[in-house]
C-alpha atoms as a PDB file:
ATOM      1  CA  MET A   1       0.000   0.000   0.000  1.00  0.00           C
ATOM      2  CA  ASN A   2       1.643   3.296  -1.052  1.00  0.00           C
ATOM      3  CA  ILE A   3       1.704   6.313   1.243  1.00  0.00           C
ATOM      4  CA  ILE A   4      -1.039   8.224  -0.570  1.00  0.00           C
ATOM      5  CA  LEU A   5      -3.462   5.291  -0.355  1.00  0.00           C
ATOM      6  CA  LEU A   6      -2.468   4.665   3.261  1.00  0.00           C
ATOM      7  CA  LEU A   7      -3.079   8.277   4.246  1.00  0.00           C
ATOM      8  CA  ASP A   8      -6.446   8.278   2.503  1.00  0.00           C
ATOM      9  CA  PHE A   9      -7.336   5.029   4.270  1.00  0.00           C
ATOM     10  CA  LEU A  10      -6.381   6.427   7.676  1.00  0.00           C
ATOM     11  CA  ALA A  11      -8.265   9.637   7.051  1.00  0.00           C
ATOM     12  CA  THR A  12     -11.357   7.582   6.240  1.00  0.00           C
ATOM     13  CA  VAL A  13     -10.940   5.516   9.417  1.00  0.00           C
ATOM     14  CA  VAL A  14     -10.831   8.735  11.424  1.00  0.00           C
ATOM     15  CA  VAL A  15     -14.294   9.680  10.240  1.00  0.00           C
ATOM     16  CA  GLY A  16     -15.599   6.322  11.409  1.00  0.00           C
ATOM     17  CA  LEU A  17     -14.033   6.742  14.838  1.00  0.00           C
ATOM     18  CA  GLY A  18     -15.338  10.240  15.449  1.00  0.00           C
ATOM     19  CA  SER A  19     -13.755  12.821  17.705  1.00  0.00           C
ATOM     20  CA  GLY A  20     -15.867  12.119  20.760  1.00  0.00           C
ATOM     21  CA  PRO A  21     -16.770  14.760  23.321  1.00  0.00           C
ATOM     22  CA  ALA A  22     -14.388  17.693  23.460  1.00  0.00           C
ATOM     23  CA  GLY A  23     -12.070  17.822  26.457  1.00  0.00           C
ATOM     24  CA  SER A  24     -12.068  20.676  28.927  1.00  0.00           C
ATOM     25  CA  LEU A  25      -8.329  21.384  29.151  1.00  0.00           C
ATOM     26  CA  ALA A  26      -7.334  24.368  27.043  1.00  0.00           C
ATOM     27  CA  THR A  27      -3.519  24.341  27.023  1.00  0.00           C
ATOM     28  CA  ILE A  28      -0.682  21.855  26.841  1.00  0.00           C
ATOM     29  CA  ASP A  29       0.525  23.107  30.222  1.00  0.00           C
ATOM     30  CA  ASP A  30      -2.897  22.292  31.722  1.00  0.00           C
ATOM     31  CA  LEU A  31      -2.629  18.780  30.309  1.00  0.00           C
ATOM     32  CA  ALA A  32       0.962  18.306  31.485  1.00  0.00           C
ATOM     33  CA  SER A  33      -0.076  19.445  34.967  1.00  0.00           C
ATOM     34  CA  LYS A  34      -2.963  16.975  35.139  1.00  0.00           C
ATOM     35  CA  TYR A  35      -0.700  14.088  34.133  1.00  0.00           C
ATOM     36  CA  THR A  36       2.446  15.217  35.931  1.00  0.00           C
ATOM     37  CA  ILE A  37       4.764  12.475  37.184  1.00  0.00           C
ATOM     38  CA  GLU A  38       6.892  14.665  39.444  1.00  0.00           C
ATOM     39  CA  LYS A  39       5.681  12.873  42.570  1.00  0.00           C
ATOM     40  CA  CYS A  40       6.311   9.489  40.932  1.00  0.00           C
ATOM     41  CA  ILE A  41       9.983  10.403  40.516  1.00  0.00           C
ATOM     42  CA  THR A  42      10.375  10.940  44.262  1.00  0.00           C
ATOM     43  CA  CYS A  43      10.074   7.203  44.957  1.00  0.00           C
ATOM     44  CA  HIS A  44      10.937   5.738  41.545  1.00  0.00           C
ATOM     45  CA  LYS A  45      14.104   7.603  40.493  1.00  0.00           C
ATOM     46  CA  ASP A  46      15.778   4.588  38.871  1.00  0.00           C
ATOM     47  CA  ILE A  47      12.653   3.671  36.915  1.00  0.00           C
ATOM     48  CA  HIS A  48      12.231   7.271  35.783  1.00  0.00           C
ATOM     49  CA  LYS A  49      15.852   7.386  34.621  1.00  0.00           C
ATOM     50  CA  GLU A  50      15.326   4.251  32.538  1.00  0.00           C
ATOM     51  CA  TRP A  51      12.110   5.637  31.108  1.00  0.00           C
ATOM     52  CA  SER A  52      13.822   8.924  30.178  1.00  0.00           C
ATOM     53  CA  TYR A  53      16.064   6.960  27.773  1.00  0.00           C
ATOM     54  CA  SER A  54      13.118   5.110  26.236  1.00  0.00           C
ATOM     55  CA  MET A  55      11.153   5.945  23.117  1.00  0.00           C
ATOM     56  CA  HIS A  56       8.050   6.200  25.320  1.00  0.00           C
ATOM     57  CA  SER A  57       9.484   9.409  26.743  1.00  0.00           C
ATOM     58  CA  LYS A  58       9.880  10.716  23.173  1.00  0.00           C
ATOM     59  CA  SER A  59       6.653   9.332  21.754  1.00  0.00           C
ATOM     60  CA  VAL A  60       5.698  12.710  20.258  1.00  0.00           C
ATOM     61  CA  ILE A  61       9.028  14.469  19.621  1.00  0.00           C
ATOM     62  CA  ASP A  62      11.099  11.711  18.023  1.00  0.00           C
ATOM     63  CA  SER A  63      12.243  13.169  14.686  1.00  0.00           C
ATOM     64  CA  ARG A  64      10.808  10.266  12.682  1.00  0.00           C
ATOM     65  CA  VAL A  65       7.443  10.661  14.403  1.00  0.00           C
ATOM     66  CA  ILE A  66       7.391  14.411  13.804  1.00  0.00           C
ATOM     67  CA  ARG A  67       8.214  14.080  10.099  1.00  0.00           C
ATOM     68  CA  THR A  68       5.781  11.218   9.519  1.00  0.00           C
ATOM     69  CA  TRP A  69       2.946  13.096  11.221  1.00  0.00           C
ATOM     70  CA  ARG A  70       3.776  16.249   9.268  1.00  0.00           C
ATOM     71  CA  THR A  71       3.220  14.297   6.062  1.00  0.00           C
ATOM     72  CA  PHE A  72       0.042  12.695   7.390  1.00  0.00           C
ATOM     73  CA  ILE A  73      -1.345  16.073   8.443  1.00  0.00           C
ATOM     74  CA  LEU A  74      -0.535  17.872   5.186  1.00  0.00           C
ATOM     75  CA  ARG A  75      -1.182  15.081   2.663  1.00  0.00           C
ATOM     76  CA  GLY A  76      -3.783  13.127   4.611  1.00  0.00           C
ATOM     77  CA  LEU A  77      -5.932  15.206   6.945  1.00  0.00           C
ATOM     78  CA  ASP A  78      -5.594  18.543   5.138  1.00  0.00           C
ATOM     79  CA  ALA A  79      -6.078  16.973   1.706  1.00  0.00           C
ATOM     80  CA  SER A  80      -9.131  14.885   2.573  1.00  0.00           C
ATOM     81  CA  PRO A  81     -12.620  16.428   2.537  1.00  0.00           C
ATOM     82  CA  LYS A  82     -13.610  13.763   5.070  1.00  0.00           C
ATOM     83  CA  ALA A  83     -11.061  14.662   7.736  1.00  0.00           C
ATOM     84  CA  GLU A  84      -9.825  17.554   9.866  1.00  0.00           C
ATOM     85  CA  ARG A  85      -6.715  18.189  11.935  1.00  0.00           C
ATOM     86  CA  ARG A  86      -8.644  17.561  15.150  1.00  0.00           C
ATOM     87  CA  ASP A  87      -8.962  13.934  13.982  1.00  0.00           C
ATOM     88  CA  LEU A  88      -5.316  13.503  14.943  1.00  0.00           C
ATOM     89  CA  LYS A  89      -6.681  12.788  18.442  1.00  0.00           C
ATOM     90  CA  ASP A  90      -8.329   9.558  17.298  1.00  0.00           C
ATOM     91  CA  VAL A  91      -5.489   8.184  15.183  1.00  0.00           C
ATOM     92  CA  CYS A  92      -1.916   9.119  16.098  1.00  0.00           C
ATOM     93  CA  LEU A  93      -2.380  10.741  19.502  1.00  0.00           C
ATOM     94  CA  LEU A  94      -4.641   7.929  20.673  1.00  0.00           C
ATOM     95  CA  CYS A  95      -1.467   5.972  21.442  1.00  0.00           C
ATOM     96  CA  HIS A  96       1.406   8.450  21.273  1.00  0.00           C
ATOM     97  CA  ALA A  97      -0.271  10.814  23.762  1.00  0.00           C
ATOM     98  CA  PRO A  98      -3.518   9.246  25.081  1.00  0.00           C
ATOM     99  CA  GLN A  99      -3.933  12.032  27.641  1.00  0.00           C
ATOM    100  CA  THR A 100      -5.000  14.328  24.801  1.00  0.00           C
ATOM    101  CA  LYS A 101      -8.453  12.784  25.159  1.00  0.00           C
ATOM    102  CA  ASP A 102      -8.930  15.498  27.782  1.00  0.00           C
ATOM    103  CA  VAL A 103      -8.220  18.484  25.541  1.00  0.00           C
ATOM    104  CA  SER A 104     -10.461  20.485  23.243  1.00  0.00           C
ATOM    105  CA  ASP A 105     -10.547  20.042  19.468  1.00  0.00           C
ATOM    106  CA  LYS A 106      -9.020  23.500  19.181  1.00  0.00           C
ATOM    107  CA  MET A 107      -6.020  22.338  21.217  1.00  0.00           C
ATOM    108  CA  ILE A 108      -5.603  19.273  18.983  1.00  0.00           C
ATOM    109  CA  GLU A 109      -5.469  21.626  16.006  1.00  0.00           C
ATOM    110  CA  ARG A 110      -2.780  23.642  17.823  1.00  0.00           C
ATOM    111  CA  ILE A 111      -0.785  20.465  18.463  1.00  0.00           C
ATOM    112  CA  ALA A 112      -1.043  19.586  14.763  1.00  0.00           C
ATOM    113  CA  GLY A 113       0.256  23.049  13.890  1.00  0.00           C
ATOM    114  CA  LEU A 114       3.183  22.624  16.294  1.00  0.00           C
ATOM    115  CA  ILE A 115       4.040  19.306  14.627  1.00  0.00           C
ATOM    116  CA  VAL A 116       4.185  20.903  11.175  1.00  0.00           C
ATOM    117  CA  THR A 117       6.276  23.759  12.595  1.00  0.00           C
ATOM    118  CA  ALA A 118       8.666  21.334  14.316  1.00  0.00           C
ATOM    119  CA  ALA A 119       9.211  19.501  11.031  1.00  0.00           C
ATOM    120  CA  ASP A 120       9.472  22.386   8.564  1.00  0.00           C
ATOM    121  CA  ASN A 121      10.183  25.703  10.304  1.00  0.00           C
ATOM    122  CA  GLU A 122      13.827  25.895  11.359  1.00  0.00           C
ATOM    123  CA  LYS A 123      13.378  29.264  13.094  1.00  0.00           C
ATOM    124  CA  GLU A 124      10.502  28.121  15.335  1.00  0.00           C
ATOM    125  CA  LYS A 125      11.394  24.413  15.507  1.00  0.00           C
ATOM    126  CA  LYS A 126      13.080  24.485  18.922  1.00  0.00           C
ATOM    127  CA  GLU A 127      10.166  26.228  20.629  1.00  0.00           C
ATOM    128  CA  ALA A 128       7.615  23.892  19.010  1.00  0.00           C
ATOM    129  CA  ILE A 129       9.505  20.788  20.135  1.00  0.00           C
ATOM    130  CA  SER A 130       9.785  22.230  23.635  1.00  0.00           C
ATOM    131  CA  GLU A 131       5.995  22.502  23.790  1.00  0.00           C
ATOM    132  CA  LEU A 132       5.405  19.065  22.275  1.00  0.00           C
ATOM    133  CA  SER A 133       7.912  17.463  24.676  1.00  0.00           C
ATOM    134  CA  LYS A 134       5.331  17.970  27.442  1.00  0.00           C
ATOM    135  CA  LEU A 135       3.360  15.144  25.811  1.00  0.00           C
ATOM    136  CA  ASN A 136       4.578  11.549  26.044  1.00  0.00           C
ATOM    137  CA  ILE A 137       3.763   8.089  27.329  1.00  0.00           C
ATOM    138  CA  ASN A 138       4.570   8.512  31.010  1.00  0.00           C
ATOM    139  CA  CYS A 139       3.834   6.606  34.241  1.00  0.00           C
ATOM    140  CA  LEU A 140       0.177   7.596  34.385  1.00  0.00           C
ATOM    141  CA  ILE A 141      -0.504   6.537  30.805  1.00  0.00           C
ATOM    142  CA  CYS A 142       0.390   2.897  31.415  1.00  0.00           C
ATOM    143  CA  HIS A 143      -0.411   2.701  35.126  1.00  0.00           C
ATOM    144  CA  ASN A 144      -3.737   4.500  34.881  1.00  0.00           C
ATOM    145  CA  LEU A 145      -5.213   5.230  31.433  1.00  0.00           C
ATOM    146  CA  LYS A 146      -4.159   1.895  29.887  1.00  0.00           C
ATOM    147  CA  GLY A 147      -3.980  -0.238  33.028  1.00  0.00           C
ATOM    148  CA  SER A 148      -7.550  -1.506  33.188  1.00  0.00           C
ATOM    149  CA  GLN A 149      -8.556  -4.458  31.028  1.00  0.00           C
ATOM    150  CA  ASP A 150     -12.071  -3.128  30.514  1.00  0.00           C
ATOM    151  CA  ASN A 151     -10.663   0.145  29.156  1.00  0.00           C
ATOM    152  CA  LYS A 152     -12.503   1.979  31.925  1.00  0.00           C
ATOM    153  CA  PRO A 153      -9.755   3.075  34.319  1.00  0.00           C
ATOM    154  CA  MET A 154     -10.862   4.430  37.652  1.00  0.00           C
ATOM    155  CA  GLU A 155      -9.794   7.948  38.489  1.00  0.00           C
ATOM    156  CA  LYS A 156      -7.016   8.447  41.043  1.00  0.00           C
ATOM    157  CA  THR A 157      -5.908   4.839  40.700  1.00  0.00           C
ATOM    158  CA  ILE A 158      -2.494   3.305  40.085  1.00  0.00           C
ATOM    159  CA  TYR A 159      -2.702  -0.061  38.336  1.00  0.00           C
ATOM    160  CA  GLY A 160       0.216  -2.457  38.620  1.00  0.00           C
ATOM    161  CA  PRO A 161       0.944  -6.145  38.014  1.00  0.00           C
ATOM    162  CA  LYS A 162       1.582  -6.636  41.741  1.00  0.00           C
ATOM    163  CA  GLY A 163      -0.792  -4.056  43.169  1.00  0.00           C
ATOM    164  CA  SER A 164       0.815  -4.054  46.586  1.00  0.00           C
ATOM    165  CA  GLY A 165      -1.206  -2.090  49.107  1.00  0.00           C
ATOM    166  CA  GLU A 166       2.059  -1.156  50.815  1.00  0.00           C
ATOM    167  CA  LEU A 167       2.960   1.338  48.116  1.00  0.00           C
ATOM    168  CA  PRO A 168       2.420   4.879  49.433  1.00  0.00           C
ATOM    169  CA  HIS A 169       0.387   6.065  46.451  1.00  0.00           C
ATOM    170  CA  LYS A 170      -2.505   7.070  48.698  1.00  0.00           C
ATOM    171  CA  LYS A 171      -0.359   9.265  50.903  1.00  0.00           C
ATOM    172  CA  ALA A 172       1.773  10.807  48.142  1.00  0.00           C
ATOM    173  CA  LEU A 173      -0.814  11.133  45.359  1.00  0.00           C
ATOM    174  CA  GLY A 174      -4.198  10.416  46.858  1.00  0.00           C
ATOM    175  CA  PHE A 175      -4.355   7.423  44.492  1.00  0.00           C
ATOM    176  CA  ASP A 176      -5.492   3.885  45.302  1.00  0.00           C
ATOM    177  CA  THR A 177      -3.253   0.989  44.233  1.00  0.00           C
ATOM    178  CA  VAL A 178      -5.011  -1.812  42.340  1.00  0.00           C
ATOM    179  CA  LYS A 179      -3.605  -5.092  41.074  1.00  0.00           C
ATOM    180  CA  SER A 180      -4.029  -5.529  37.325  1.00  0.00           C
ATOM    181  CA  PRO A 181      -2.863  -8.904  35.927  1.00  0.00           C
ATOM    182  CA  PHE A 182      -3.791  -7.464  32.505  1.00  0.00           C
ATOM    183  CA  MET A 183      -0.609  -5.366  32.604  1.00  0.00           C
ATOM    184  CA  SER A 184       1.498  -8.540  32.436  1.00  0.00           C
ATOM    185  CA  THR A 185      -0.146  -9.754  29.232  1.00  0.00           C
ATOM    186  CA  PRO A 186       0.765  -9.140  25.576  1.00  0.00           C
ATOM    187  CA  GLU A 187      -2.732  -7.721  25.117  1.00  0.00           C
ATOM    188  CA  PHE A 188      -1.779  -4.799  27.369  1.00  0.00           C
ATOM    189  CA  CYS A 189       0.964  -3.834  24.899  1.00  0.00           C
ATOM    190  CA  ALA A 190      -1.365  -4.543  21.977  1.00  0.00           C
ATOM    191  CA  GLN A 191      -3.497  -1.550  22.954  1.00  0.00           C
ATOM    192  CA  CYS A 192      -0.980   0.590  21.081  1.00  0.00           C
ATOM    193  CA  HIS A 193       1.213  -1.882  19.219  1.00  0.00           C
ATOM    194  CA  HIS A 194      -1.686  -3.315  17.223  1.00  0.00           C
ATOM    195  CA  GLY A 195      -4.232  -0.634  16.444  1.00  0.00           C
ATOM    196  CA  CYS A 196      -5.924  -2.204  13.431  1.00  0.00           C
ATOM    197  CA  PRO A 197      -9.678  -1.827  12.980  1.00  0.00           C
ATOM    198  CA  GLN A 198     -11.640  -4.782  14.335  1.00  0.00           C
ATOM    199  CA  GLY A 199     -11.519  -7.826  12.062  1.00  0.00           C
ATOM    200  CA  MET A 200      -8.914  -6.478   9.641  1.00  0.00           C
ATOM    201  CA  PRO A 201      -6.407  -9.232   8.727  1.00  0.00           C
ATOM    202  CA  SER A 202      -2.681  -8.776   9.222  1.00  0.00           C
ATOM    203  CA  THR A 203      -2.156  -9.192   5.488  1.00  0.00           C
ATOM    204  CA  ILE A 204      -3.752  -5.759   5.079  1.00  0.00           C
ATOM    205  CA  CYS A 205      -2.768  -4.126   8.372  1.00  0.00           C
ATOM    206  CA  PRO A 206       0.384  -5.841   9.664  1.00  0.00           C
ATOM    207  CA  THR A 207       1.411  -4.870  13.184  1.00  0.00           C
ATOM    208  CA  VAL A 208       4.021  -6.010  15.687  1.00  0.00           C
ATOM    209  CA  TYR A 209       1.262  -7.676  17.729  1.00  0.00           C
ATOM    210  CA  SER A 210      -0.284  -9.561  14.793  1.00  0.00           C
ATOM    211  CA  SER A 211       3.213 -10.726  13.835  1.00  0.00           C
ATOM    212  CA  TYR A 212       3.763 -11.865  17.418  1.00  0.00           C
ATOM    213  CA  LYS A 213       0.502 -13.849  17.408  1.00  0.00           C
ATOM    214  CA  GLU A 214       0.726 -15.290  13.903  1.00  0.00           C
ATOM    215  CA  ASP A 215       4.475 -15.800  13.450  1.00  0.00           C
ATOM    216  CA  TYR A 216       5.534 -16.599  17.010  1.00  0.00           C
ATOM    217  CA  VAL A 217       2.732 -17.768  19.314  1.00  0.00           C
ATOM    218  CA  ALA A 218       1.037 -19.822  16.576  1.00  0.00           C
ATOM    219  CA  ARG A 219       4.340 -21.673  16.104  1.00  0.00           C
ATOM    220  CA  GLY A 220       4.744 -22.541  19.759  1.00  0.00           C
ATOM    221  CA  GLY A 221       6.354 -19.390  21.162  1.00  0.00           C
ATOM    222  CA  THR A 222       5.586 -18.811  24.826  1.00  0.00           C
ATOM    223  CA  LYS A 223       7.311 -15.548  25.783  1.00  0.00           C
ATOM    224  CA  ARG A 224       5.345 -12.358  26.363  1.00  0.00           C
ATOM    225  CA  CYS A 225       6.328  -8.899  25.110  1.00  0.00           C
ATOM    226  CA  GLN A 226       7.376  -7.999  28.660  1.00  0.00           C
ATOM    227  CA  ASP A 227       9.779 -10.958  28.894  1.00  0.00           C
ATOM    228  CA  CYS A 228      12.054  -9.321  26.319  1.00  0.00           C
ATOM    229  CA  HIS A 229      11.212  -5.624  26.309  1.00  0.00           C
ATOM    230  CA  MET A 230      11.063  -5.235  30.108  1.00  0.00           C
ATOM    231  CA  LYS A 231      13.712  -7.750  31.122  1.00  0.00           C
ATOM    232  CA  GLY A 232      15.637  -6.557  34.176  1.00  0.00           C
ATOM    233  CA  GLU A 233      17.980  -8.004  36.755  1.00  0.00           C
ATOM    234  CA  ASP A 234      15.852  -7.646  39.897  1.00  0.00           C
ATOM    235  CA  ARG A 235      12.707  -5.941  38.565  1.00  0.00           C
ATOM    236  CA  ALA A 236      11.015  -5.013  35.306  1.00  0.00           C
ATOM    237  CA  SER A 237      13.057  -2.550  33.262  1.00  0.00           C
ATOM    238  CA  HIS A 238      11.303   0.565  31.979  1.00  0.00           C
ATOM    239  CA  ARG A 239      13.777   1.332  29.223  1.00  0.00           C
ATOM    240  CA  PHE A 240      11.697  -0.671  26.723  1.00  0.00           C
ATOM    241  CA  PRO A 241      14.533  -1.337  24.239  1.00  0.00           C
ATOM    242  CA  GLY A 242      13.543  -1.829  20.618  1.00  0.00           C
ATOM    243  CA  ILE A 243      14.853  -1.801  17.060  1.00  0.00           C
ATOM    244  CA  TYR A 244      16.841   1.387  17.731  1.00  0.00           C
ATOM    245  CA  ASP A 245      18.963  -0.410  20.382  1.00  0.00           C
ATOM    246  CA  THR A 246      21.803  -2.236  18.594  1.00  0.00           C
ATOM    247  CA  ASP A 247      22.667  -4.557  21.477  1.00  0.00           C
ATOM    248  CA  PHE A 248      19.023  -5.489  21.962  1.00  0.00           C
ATOM    249  CA  VAL A 249      18.553  -6.245  18.268  1.00  0.00           C
ATOM    250  CA  LYS A 250      21.568  -8.552  18.410  1.00  0.00           C
ATOM    251  CA  SER A 251      19.735 -10.637  21.011  1.00  0.00           C
ATOM    252  CA  GLY A 252      16.952 -11.289  18.507  1.00  0.00           C
ATOM    253  CA  ILE A 253      19.071 -12.242  15.499  1.00  0.00           C
ATOM    254  CA  ASP A 254      21.436 -15.169  14.943  1.00  0.00           C
ATOM    255  CA  LEU A 255      24.023 -14.067  12.393  1.00  0.00           C
ATOM    256  CA  SER A 256      26.732 -16.283  10.928  1.00  0.00           C
ATOM    257  CA  VAL A 257      29.284 -15.308   8.300  1.00  0.00           C
ATOM    258  CA  GLU A 258      31.641 -17.740   6.549  1.00  0.00           C
ATOM    259  CA  VAL A 259      34.464 -16.212   4.511  1.00  0.00           C
ATOM    260  CA  LEU A 260      36.395 -18.283   1.981  1.00  0.00           C
ATOM    261  CA  PRO A 261      39.409 -16.890   0.069  1.00  0.00           C
ATOM    262  CA  THR A 262      39.531 -17.644  -3.649  1.00  0.00           C
ATOM    263  CA  THR A 263      40.579 -16.194  -6.986  1.00  0.00           C
ATOM    264  CA  TYR A 264      38.829 -15.614 -10.266  1.00  0.00           C
ATOM    265  CA  VAL A 265      39.843 -14.876 -13.826  1.00  0.00           C
ATOM    266  CA  PHE A 266      39.479 -11.226 -14.813  1.00  0.00           C
ATOM    267  CA  HIS A 267      38.745 -11.796 -18.492  1.00  0.00           C
ATOM    268  CA  LEU A 268      39.209  -8.216 -19.656  1.00  0.00           C
ATOM    269  CA  GLU A 269      42.845  -8.191 -18.529  1.00  0.00           C
ATOM    270  CA  ASN A 270      43.668 -11.907 -18.691  1.00  0.00           C
ATOM    271  CA  ARG A 271      44.807 -12.166 -15.082  1.00  0.00           C
ATOM    272  CA  MET A 272      43.882 -13.876 -11.814  1.00  0.00           C
ATOM    273  CA  VAL A 273      42.310 -11.650  -9.191  1.00  0.00           C
ATOM    274  CA  PRO A 274      42.084 -12.352  -5.421  1.00  0.00           C
ATOM    275  CA  ALA A 275      38.489 -12.594  -4.121  1.00  0.00           C
ATOM    276  CA  ILE A 276      36.383 -13.955  -1.302  1.00  0.00           C
ATOM    277  CA  VAL A 277      33.192 -15.992  -1.133  1.00  0.00           C
ATOM    278  CA  LEU A 278      30.735 -14.978   1.587  1.00  0.00           C
ATOM    279  CA  ASN A 279      28.157 -17.342   3.033  1.00  0.00           C
ATOM    280  CA  VAL A 280      25.844 -15.326   5.295  1.00  0.00           C
ATOM    281  CA  GLY A 281      23.166 -16.887   7.449  1.00  0.00           C
ATOM    282  CA  VAL A 282      20.511 -14.815   9.267  1.00  0.00           C
ATOM    283  CA  LYS A 283      17.886 -16.244  11.603  1.00  0.00           C
ATOM    284  CA  ASN A 284      15.223 -14.211  13.423  1.00  0.00           C
ATOM    285  CA  THR A 285      14.945 -15.478  17.005  1.00  0.00           C
ATOM    286  CA  ALA A 286      12.701 -12.621  18.195  1.00  0.00           C
ATOM    287  CA  GLY A 287       8.998 -12.925  18.925  1.00  0.00           C
ATOM    288  CA  HIS A 288       7.937 -11.021  15.800  1.00  0.00           C
ATOM    289  CA  ILE A 289       9.099  -9.745  12.433  1.00  0.00           C
ATOM    290  CA  ILE A 290      12.224  -7.575  12.448  1.00  0.00           C
ATOM    291  CA  PRO A 291      12.242  -4.673  11.771  1.00  0.00           C
ATOM    292  CA  HIS A 292       8.933  -3.618  13.247  1.00  0.00           C
ATOM    293  CA  GLY A 293       7.565  -1.167  15.809  1.00  0.00           C
END
């Protein structure tokens, strides 16, 4: 599917999803304040440090994301009579910044404008990225907005795979702590790493989750996403390494190279020339297609 057809397809999907009720928050600062993780850092400094190196912390401002969205906005949303910039909330931002569900359509349009500026306007790029950096996938996105299996998270609640009542969330944040086994399942990750419309086959809309289910689990694979992407020494890592991490990629690929010296006849000059024969073997040992995201 070429990019023009893909953009038109996505723009059409947006119309089907609808924008939903407009949020009440009027500025990015209001949104950042509502979903601040400053108090989380007090007790979870090591986890926050790991997260700060992850792509989740850059889910909006990564240069590839910015440039891809710029193209989608200009050639997809702006070019389609069926879509508007506010529809960005129900496609891209739905996963890259789910907290934007609480902002007005006007603010979504402002965010879209900042994205275009960050991609194309060198003079105002730095300021635009600074604003957009206030949006990301932080603690409260996974441990609140996405933590409930029924997709109906309770307010002022921290969801976790252990859900220990000993955690001082109530005292520090006024939040209850609730155990959510759902967070330990691949389906938890699939909320954003799948994203296809219901019933659409992977042959049309391939995702990292459909690859995991069809190419790995269906062939006997038993590991979960978390077993590789959150593997830590004494606790779950929140660095979430992926295709951009060279050492991590090496753990998912078996590579063998056999080099044999030889010679061949260079016919144009009637002489023997030194050469090598390469026999390269590559085996994917990861739980899904590589590369993917």
